[in-house]
Amino acid sequence: MPLITYKDARPWAASIKAAVLSRKMPPWKADPNTGKWSNDPSLSAPELATIKAWVDGGKPEGDPKDLPSAPVFAEGWRVGKPDVVITIPKFKLDPTGPDEYSYITVPTNFTEDRWVVAAELRPGNRRIVHHAHVFVVEEEKKTSSDAKPTPEQEYAKWLHVNEGTLSFIRPDAPAIDDGCARDDNAVFPGTHQSDLGSLISSYLPGRGPDVYPEGTARLVKAGSKLNFQIHYSRATGKTEYDETAVGMIFAKEPPKTIARRIDLSNHMFLIPANDPDHQVTECHTFQKDMYITSLTPHMHLRGKAMRIAVTYPDGRQETLLNVPDYNFNWQITYRAADPIFVPKGTRLKITAEFDNSRNNPLNPDPSKVVRWGAASETEMMDGWIEYVDAKPDPKLQYSGKLETK
């Protein structure tokens, strides 16, 4: 529902006042005392006072001549007019059954390498697309068919349970809530916390388009394909169709540095039934200097709070992000106002809190023990970190600008 004009807004004046004074709107979940974020939409005290005075004073209309122009969006794209739009083939979702996770690969038909500076993943049918990601898929290198899986890989295969397109951890898998007993303690055996350079964009509730920091970009090589990973919900109970698309804007020249991302996760946790305050952690030590450009907490319906903190090589500790009131329906990416310099040897700790009690209004079933899984009814514990490489200089001090040479 738009609130562009006075006629639009006046009937909702009391609700607007209540929503903004309670800080329910605009949605922003980060602790205001920790970190500074370029996309923080929070209203200032004078702005709140202005809204309150307008409502309490009878909701008068201002001079129409002072009304700013209405925002104009390029064919519905929030990121601006894309240089290219790539769309999945028309997808049919049947009316009954569990949620569906579809993996759809589409060729780019690029004849030359492209550097992407901004991307927006837009659902074709918002009634059924719960969330989605799009990755670059390059031609796989051929490996010997005689290569045998390692014991760790065999164990990881045993841990996974697949039901259709969904993946879960088996209920009797060992439980590791303390992912900080040692670094990367609770990732799947045989896997590593490593860069996700292939991720181009995500669509999540509350998340804006992916606009990479100035001077950075992500590479899509000639001949690459795009893999769309889409979570479809059968909420309507009807046959539905979808044509989700990604719009990309290209750099006019090669970037100074590559925009990178690493996802840090605990896959082995176990949340007891009816537990209102269950803690899960994961730790990772960075092996290079970097500038963090954004942080995104990711949990599912039982997610309650998340804190991301670091211990620097000299022993200093700092909380980078604190989200005390996480909400699955507002999965916000917090974009640093100034890139955060993290030297080699810094240890990052993610602390997540889960509420598996009946007091959690989003909880689908507090009587169940909850493990890791792809479906929203199960759980995840992720910290998504976007960054750029920093100049490997131990004397480097943050100057407010990206050091990329």
Protein backbone atom coordinates (compact mmCIF):
# COMPACT_ATOMS: atom_id res chain seq x y z
CA MET A 1 0.00 0.00 0.00
CA PRO A 2 1.57 3.31 -1.06
CA LEU A 3 1.77 6.29 1.29
CA ILE A 4 2.87 8.77 -1.35
CA THR A 5 0.21 11.47 -1.05
CA TYR A 6 -1.52 13.26 1.81
CA LYS A 7 -4.74 11.47 0.83
CA ASP A 8 -2.90 8.14 1.16
CA ALA A 9 -1.34 8.88 4.54
CA ARG A 10 -3.97 10.79 6.52
CA PRO A 11 -6.33 7.85 7.30
CA TRP A 12 -3.35 5.93 8.69
CA ALA A 13 -1.96 8.75 10.82
CA ALA A 14 -2.52 7.09 14.21
CA SER A 15 -1.03 3.80 13.01
CA ILE A 16 1.96 5.61 11.50
CA LYS A 17 2.60 7.42 14.79
CA ALA A 18 2.40 4.18 16.80
CA ALA A 19 4.66 2.30 14.38
CA VAL A 20 7.43 4.90 14.23
CA LEU A 21 7.44 5.80 17.95
CA SER A 22 7.74 2.09 18.84
CA ARG A 23 10.56 1.77 16.25
CA LYS A 24 8.59 -0.98 14.52
CA MET A 25 8.90 1.10 11.36
CA PRO A 26 11.02 1.64 9.47
CA PRO A 27 12.29 -1.89 10.14
CA TRP A 28 15.80 -1.95 11.59
CA LYS A 29 16.93 -4.62 14.03
CA ALA A 30 20.52 -3.62 14.87
CA ASP A 31 21.48 -2.19 18.26
CA PRO A 32 21.93 1.57 17.59
CA ASN A 33 24.87 1.67 20.02
CA THR A 34 26.95 -0.80 17.99
CA GLY A 35 28.31 -0.06 14.52
CA LYS A 36 27.41 2.53 11.92
CA TRP A 37 25.53 1.41 8.81
CA SER A 38 25.01 3.23 5.53
CA ASN A 39 21.54 1.74 4.97
CA ASP A 40 20.14 2.55 8.44
CA PRO A 41 16.65 4.01 7.79
CA SER A 42 15.98 4.80 11.46
CA LEU A 43 14.25 8.12 12.08
CA SER A 44 16.02 10.74 14.18
CA ALA A 45 14.50 12.22 17.33
CA PRO A 46 13.51 15.45 15.48
CA GLU A 47 11.86 13.41 12.71
CA LEU A 48 9.88 11.40 15.26
CA ALA A 49 8.85 14.60 17.02
CA THR A 50 7.63 16.06 13.72
CA ILE A 51 5.42 13.05 12.99
CA LYS A 52 4.03 13.04 16.53
CA ALA A 53 3.26 16.76 16.39
CA TRP A 54 1.53 16.38 13.00
CA VAL A 55 -0.74 13.59 14.26
CA ASP A 56 -1.48 15.22 17.60
CA GLY A 57 -2.09 18.58 15.90
CA GLY A 58 -4.94 17.39 13.72
CA LYS A 59 -3.00 16.02 10.73
CA PRO A 60 -3.00 19.21 8.65
CA GLU A 61 -2.02 19.16 4.98
CA GLY A 62 1.08 21.10 4.04
CA ASP A 63 1.52 23.30 1.01
CA PRO A 64 1.19 21.03 -2.06
CA LYS A 65 3.89 23.12 -3.76
CA ASP A 66 6.42 21.75 -1.25
CA LEU A 67 5.61 18.13 -2.09
CA PRO A 68 8.68 16.39 -3.61
CA SER A 69 8.40 14.45 -6.81
CA ALA A 70 7.25 10.87 -6.46
CA PRO A 71 10.03 8.28 -6.83
CA VAL A 72 10.43 6.78 -10.28
CA PHE A 73 11.62 3.19 -10.65
CA ALA A 74 13.04 1.77 -13.88
CA GLU A 75 10.47 -0.82 -14.95
CA GLY A 76 10.08 -1.85 -11.32
CA TRP A 77 13.82 -2.35 -10.73
CA ARG A 78 14.97 -0.81 -7.45
CA VAL A 79 18.61 -0.98 -8.53
CA GLY A 80 18.01 1.09 -11.68
CA LYS A 81 17.81 0.00 -15.31
CA PRO A 82 19.82 -3.25 -15.69
CA ASP A 83 22.27 -3.80 -18.52
CA VAL A 84 20.96 -7.34 -18.82
CA VAL A 85 18.04 -9.32 -17.39
CA ILE A 86 18.19 -13.12 -17.18
CA THR A 87 14.94 -14.94 -16.44
CA ILE A 88 14.19 -18.55 -15.51
CA PRO A 89 11.88 -20.57 -17.78
CA LYS A 90 8.25 -20.38 -16.70
CA PHE A 91 7.95 -22.50 -13.54
CA LYS A 92 4.74 -24.24 -12.47
CA LEU A 93 4.03 -24.85 -8.77
CA ASP A 94 1.32 -27.38 -7.96
CA PRO A 95 -1.24 -26.36 -5.30
CA THR A 96 -0.56 -29.05 -2.67
CA GLY A 97 2.42 -30.57 -0.91
CA PRO A 98 5.34 -29.25 1.14
CA ASP A 99 7.36 -26.20 0.21
CA GLU A 100 9.58 -26.76 -2.80
CA TYR A 101 13.21 -25.81 -3.31
CA SER A 102 14.03 -25.59 -7.00
CA TYR A 103 17.47 -25.34 -8.59
CA ILE A 104 17.22 -23.88 -12.10
CA THR A 105 20.25 -23.29 -14.34
CA VAL A 106 20.06 -20.71 -17.12
CA PRO A 107 22.81 -19.81 -19.65
CA THR A 108 24.07 -16.22 -19.65
CA ASN A 109 25.19 -16.42 -23.30
CA PHE A 110 27.96 -13.97 -22.42
CA THR A 111 30.67 -13.97 -25.08
CA GLU A 112 33.07 -11.98 -22.89
CA ASP A 113 33.82 -11.63 -19.19
CA ARG A 114 31.54 -9.24 -17.34
CA TRP A 115 32.15 -7.39 -14.06
CA VAL A 116 28.93 -6.88 -12.09
CA VAL A 117 28.67 -3.81 -9.84
CA ALA A 118 25.01 -4.24 -8.85
CA ALA A 119 22.41 -6.97 -9.10
CA GLU A 120 18.78 -7.37 -8.14
CA LEU A 121 17.06 -10.74 -7.88
CA ARG A 122 13.37 -10.07 -8.46
CA PRO A 123 10.65 -12.70 -7.92
CA GLY A 124 8.21 -13.12 -10.75
CA ASN A 125 5.43 -14.16 -8.34
CA ARG A 126 5.76 -12.74 -4.83
CA ARG A 127 2.86 -14.88 -3.61
CA ILE A 128 4.97 -18.01 -3.80
CA VAL A 129 8.68 -16.99 -3.84
CA HIS A 130 9.78 -17.01 -0.22
CA HIS A 131 13.46 -16.37 -0.87
CA ALA A 132 16.02 -17.00 -3.58
CA HIS A 133 19.72 -16.83 -4.45
CA VAL A 134 21.52 -16.76 -7.78
CA PHE A 135 25.05 -18.11 -8.30
CA VAL A 136 27.50 -18.13 -11.18
CA VAL A 137 28.24 -21.64 -12.44
CA GLU A 138 31.46 -22.11 -14.38
CA GLU A 139 32.42 -25.15 -16.41
CA GLU A 140 33.47 -27.89 -14.02
CA LYS A 141 36.96 -29.25 -14.24
CA LYS A 142 37.04 -32.91 -15.10
CA THR A 143 38.20 -35.21 -12.33
CA SER A 144 39.18 -38.82 -12.41
CA SER A 145 36.20 -41.13 -12.10
CA ASP A 146 38.44 -43.47 -10.10
CA ALA A 147 38.91 -40.92 -7.29
CA LYS A 148 37.47 -42.31 -4.08
CA PRO A 149 35.74 -40.08 -1.52
CA THR A 150 37.64 -39.41 1.68
CA PRO A 151 36.32 -40.73 5.02
CA GLU A 152 35.26 -37.17 5.88
CA GLN A 153 33.28 -36.92 2.65
CA GLU A 154 31.63 -40.28 3.29
CA TYR A 155 30.73 -39.15 6.82
CA ALA A 156 29.28 -35.87 5.52
CA LYS A 157 27.17 -37.84 3.02
CA TRP A 158 25.88 -40.01 5.86
CA LEU A 159 24.96 -36.91 7.89
CA HIS A 160 22.74 -35.52 5.10
CA VAL A 161 19.16 -36.63 4.57
CA ASN A 162 17.56 -35.63 1.27
CA GLU A 163 13.81 -35.47 0.75
CA GLY A 164 13.04 -34.35 -2.78
CA THR A 165 14.90 -31.07 -3.22
CA LEU A 166 15.27 -30.46 0.53
CA SER A 167 18.33 -31.32 2.61
CA PHE A 168 18.50 -31.92 6.37
CA ILE A 169 20.97 -33.18 8.92
CA ARG A 170 19.98 -36.58 10.26
CA PRO A 171 18.30 -36.43 13.70
CA ASP A 172 20.86 -38.74 15.36
CA ALA A 173 23.91 -36.77 14.16
CA PRO A 174 26.30 -35.64 16.91
CA ALA A 175 25.29 -32.27 18.37
CA ILE A 176 27.80 -29.41 18.51
CA ASP A 177 26.40 -26.15 19.86
CA ASP A 178 29.83 -24.74 20.74
CA GLY A 179 31.36 -24.01 17.37
CA CYS A 180 34.16 -22.11 19.08
CA ALA A 181 35.83 -24.97 20.94
CA ARG A 182 38.15 -24.70 17.95
CA ASP A 183 37.88 -22.76 14.70
CA ASP A 184 35.23 -23.98 12.26
CA ASN A 185 34.19 -26.58 14.80
CA ALA A 186 30.65 -27.17 13.61
CA VAL A 187 30.75 -27.09 9.81
CA PHE A 188 29.93 -30.25 7.90
CA PRO A 189 32.90 -32.67 7.91
CA GLY A 190 34.92 -32.44 4.73
CA THR A 191 33.83 -28.85 4.04
CA HIS A 192 35.55 -25.56 4.75
CA GLN A 193 34.48 -22.02 5.52
CA SER A 194 35.59 -20.45 2.24
CA ASP A 195 34.77 -17.60 -0.13
CA LEU A 196 31.50 -17.64 -2.04
CA GLY A 197 32.75 -15.60 -4.95
CA SER A 198 30.06 -17.08 -7.18
CA LEU A 199 27.07 -15.56 -5.37
CA ILE A 200 25.64 -12.65 -7.37
CA SER A 201 22.44 -11.71 -5.55
CA SER A 202 19.84 -12.78 -3.00
CA TYR A 203 16.15 -12.08 -2.50
CA LEU A 204 15.11 -12.22 1.15
CA PRO A 205 12.42 -10.52 3.24
CA GLY A 206 13.71 -7.07 4.13
CA ARG A 207 16.86 -7.26 2.00
CA GLY A 208 17.57 -4.66 -0.66
CA PRO A 209 19.34 -5.13 -4.01
CA ASP A 210 23.00 -6.11 -4.02
CA VAL A 211 25.03 -2.99 -4.77
CA TYR A 212 28.74 -3.66 -4.31
CA PRO A 213 31.01 -1.02 -2.75
CA GLU A 214 32.39 1.63 -5.09
CA GLY A 215 35.44 0.41 -7.01
CA THR A 216 34.53 -3.27 -6.54
CA ALA A 217 32.68 -5.85 -8.64
CA ARG A 218 32.05 -9.57 -9.05
CA LEU A 219 33.13 -11.52 -12.09
CA VAL A 220 30.86 -13.46 -14.44
CA LYS A 221 33.07 -15.22 -16.98
CA ALA A 222 32.17 -15.69 -20.62
CA GLY A 223 30.15 -18.84 -21.16
CA SER A 224 29.06 -19.05 -17.52
CA LYS A 225 25.61 -20.12 -16.42
CA LEU A 226 23.45 -18.84 -13.59
CA ASN A 227 21.98 -21.20 -11.01
CA PHE A 228 18.77 -19.92 -9.38
CA GLN A 229 18.02 -21.49 -5.99
CA ILE A 230 14.41 -20.66 -5.17
CA HIS A 231 12.27 -21.53 -2.14
CA TYR A 232 8.64 -21.79 -3.25
CA SER A 233 5.79 -21.66 -0.72
CA ARG A 234 2.41 -23.22 -1.47
CA ALA A 235 0.69 -20.60 0.68
CA THR A 236 -2.08 -19.84 -1.84
CA GLY A 237 -3.28 -23.42 -2.26
CA LYS A 238 -3.62 -22.79 -5.99
CA THR A 239 -1.62 -23.66 -9.08
CA GLU A 240 0.85 -20.81 -9.51
CA TYR A 241 3.48 -19.79 -12.04
CA ASP A 242 6.76 -17.92 -11.63
CA GLU A 243 9.39 -16.29 -13.83
CA THR A 244 11.98 -14.99 -11.37
CA ALA A 245 14.71 -12.85 -12.95
CA VAL A 246 18.01 -11.21 -12.05
CA GLY A 247 18.95 -7.79 -13.39
CA MET A 248 22.65 -6.93 -13.52
CA ILE A 249 24.52 -3.67 -14.01
CA PHE A 250 28.03 -3.92 -15.44
CA ALA A 251 31.14 -1.95 -14.58
CA LYS A 252 32.33 0.44 -17.27
CA GLU A 253 35.93 -0.57 -16.53
CA PRO A 254 37.67 -3.36 -14.58
CA PRO A 255 37.29 -2.90 -10.81
CA LYS A 256 40.08 -1.96 -8.43
CA THR A 257 39.27 -5.01 -6.34
CA ILE A 258 36.87 -7.96 -6.26
CA ALA A 259 33.82 -7.94 -4.00
CA ARG A 260 33.95 -11.15 -1.97
CA ARG A 261 31.76 -13.01 0.49
CA ILE A 262 32.25 -15.75 3.08
CA ASP A 263 29.45 -17.53 4.94
CA LEU A 264 30.28 -18.78 8.44
CA SER A 265 27.92 -21.48 9.69
CA ASN A 266 27.23 -23.97 12.44
CA HIS A 267 25.57 -27.02 10.85
CA MET A 268 25.73 -29.40 13.82
CA PHE A 269 23.65 -27.68 16.52
CA LEU A 270 20.65 -29.16 18.34
CA ILE A 271 17.90 -26.98 19.82
CA PRO A 272 15.91 -28.82 22.53
CA ALA A 273 12.13 -28.80 22.53
CA ASN A 274 10.49 -25.95 24.46
CA ASP A 275 13.84 -24.20 25.03
CA PRO A 276 13.24 -20.41 25.12
CA ASP A 277 16.89 -19.33 25.07
CA HIS A 278 19.28 -21.73 23.36
CA GLN A 279 22.75 -20.51 22.41
CA VAL A 280 24.79 -21.67 19.41
CA THR A 281 28.23 -20.34 18.42
CA GLU A 282 30.71 -20.56 15.57
CA CYS A 283 34.24 -19.11 15.25
CA HIS A 284 36.65 -18.51 12.39
CA THR A 285 40.13 -16.93 12.17
CA PHE A 286 40.86 -14.91 9.06
CA GLN A 287 44.11 -15.67 7.26
CA LYS A 288 44.44 -12.35 5.43
CA ASP A 289 43.85 -8.63 5.89
CA MET A 290 40.40 -7.51 4.75
CA TYR A 291 37.80 -4.80 4.89
CA ILE A 292 34.33 -6.00 5.91
CA THR A 293 31.68 -4.16 3.89
CA SER A 294 28.49 -5.83 5.18
CA LEU A 295 27.18 -8.34 7.72
CA THR A 296 23.98 -10.40 7.46
CA PRO A 297 22.61 -12.61 10.24
CA HIS A 298 20.62 -15.56 8.92
CA MET A 299 18.41 -17.89 10.96
CA HIS A 300 14.92 -19.27 10.46
CA LEU A 301 11.68 -19.01 12.44
CA ARG A 302 13.18 -19.73 15.87
CA GLY A 303 16.00 -17.20 15.50
CA LYS A 304 15.93 -14.73 18.39
CA ALA A 305 19.17 -12.72 18.42
CA MET A 306 22.66 -12.68 16.93
CA ARG A 307 25.91 -10.96 17.84
CA ILE A 308 29.01 -10.84 15.64
CA ALA A 309 32.22 -9.91 17.46
CA VAL A 310 35.95 -10.07 16.81
CA THR A 311 39.11 -10.56 18.82
CA TYR A 312 42.03 -8.79 17.14
CA PRO A 313 45.57 -10.23 17.10
CA ASP A 314 46.59 -7.81 19.89
CA GLY A 315 43.81 -9.15 22.14
CA ARG A 316 41.37 -6.27 21.73
CA GLN A 317 37.73 -7.27 21.42
CA GLU A 318 34.96 -5.47 19.55
CA THR A 319 31.33 -6.17 18.76
CA LEU A 320 30.75 -5.41 15.08
CA LEU A 321 27.02 -6.10 14.98
CA ASN A 322 24.38 -6.81 17.61
CA VAL A 323 20.86 -7.77 16.56
CA PRO A 324 18.93 -8.31 19.82
CA ASP A 325 15.53 -8.72 18.14
CA TYR A 326 16.07 -10.85 15.04
CA ASN A 327 12.99 -11.44 12.90
CA PHE A 328 12.83 -13.98 10.08
CA ASN A 329 10.49 -11.67 8.16
CA TRP A 330 13.11 -8.86 8.06
CA GLN A 331 16.41 -10.43 6.99
CA ILE A 332 18.42 -7.24 6.76
CA THR A 333 21.93 -6.84 5.37
CA TYR A 334 23.82 -4.30 7.46
CA ARG A 335 26.13 -2.33 5.17
CA ALA A 336 29.06 -0.68 6.93
CA ALA A 337 29.13 3.14 6.69
CA ASP A 338 32.93 2.79 6.53
CA PRO A 339 34.61 -0.52 5.62
CA ILE A 340 35.78 -2.29 8.79
CA PHE A 341 39.47 -3.18 8.70
CA VAL A 342 40.16 -6.70 9.99
CA PRO A 343 43.85 -7.71 10.08
CA LYS A 344 45.13 -11.21 9.47
CA GLY A 345 44.81 -13.35 12.59
CA THR A 346 41.53 -11.77 13.74
CA ARG A 347 39.10 -14.29 15.21
CA LEU A 348 35.42 -13.70 14.51
CA LYS A 349 32.75 -15.16 16.80
CA ILE A 350 29.07 -15.52 15.95
CA THR A 351 26.70 -16.02 18.88
CA ALA A 352 23.11 -16.93 18.02
CA GLU A 353 20.12 -17.25 20.34
CA PHE A 354 17.08 -19.37 19.48
CA ASP A 355 13.59 -19.38 21.02
CA ASN A 356 11.93 -22.77 20.60
CA SER A 357 9.15 -22.03 23.09
CA ARG A 358 5.44 -21.35 22.69
CA ASN A 359 6.16 -17.69 23.48
CA ASN A 360 7.70 -17.32 20.02
CA PRO A 361 4.76 -16.41 17.73
CA LEU A 362 6.64 -17.61 14.62
CA ASN A 363 7.49 -21.03 16.09
CA PRO A 364 5.78 -23.75 14.00
CA ASP A 365 6.08 -26.41 16.74
CA PRO A 366 7.85 -25.89 20.11
CA SER A 367 7.48 -29.58 21.00
CA LYS A 368 10.04 -30.60 18.37
CA VAL A 369 13.81 -30.90 18.69
CA VAL A 370 15.27 -28.75 15.91
CA ARG A 371 18.36 -29.42 13.79
CA TRP A 372 19.94 -27.83 10.70
CA GLY A 373 17.91 -27.99 7.49
CA ALA A 374 17.00 -26.13 4.32
CA ALA A 375 13.28 -25.83 5.09
CA SER A 376 12.06 -22.84 7.11
CA GLU A 377 10.56 -25.20 9.71
CA THR A 378 14.08 -26.41 10.50
CA GLU A 379 16.92 -24.01 11.39
CA MET A 380 20.10 -22.42 10.15
CA MET A 381 22.84 -20.48 11.93
CA ASP A 382 24.78 -18.31 9.46
CA GLY A 383 26.72 -15.10 9.41
CA TRP A 384 27.15 -13.80 5.85
CA ILE A 385 30.16 -11.53 5.48
CA GLU A 386 30.89 -9.39 2.43
CA TYR A 387 34.40 -7.98 2.18
CA VAL A 388 37.26 -6.89 -0.03
CA ASP A 389 40.90 -7.86 0.30
CA ALA A 390 43.11 -5.29 2.01
CA LYS A 391 46.71 -4.42 1.31
CA PRO A 392 48.75 -7.02 3.28
CA ASP A 393 50.62 -4.49 5.39
CA PRO A 394 50.89 -5.11 9.18
CA LYS A 395 51.21 -1.35 9.75
CA LEU A 396 48.01 -0.59 7.80
CA GLN A 397 45.62 1.71 9.63
CA TYR A 398 42.10 2.36 8.46
CA SER A 399 41.94 5.78 6.78
CA GLY A 400 38.32 5.83 5.70
CA LYS A 401 39.13 4.67 2.17
CA LEU A 402 39.56 1.28 0.63
CA GLU A 403 43.19 0.28 0.26
CA THR A 404 43.18 -1.92 -2.81
CA LYS A 405 46.54 -1.63 -4.46
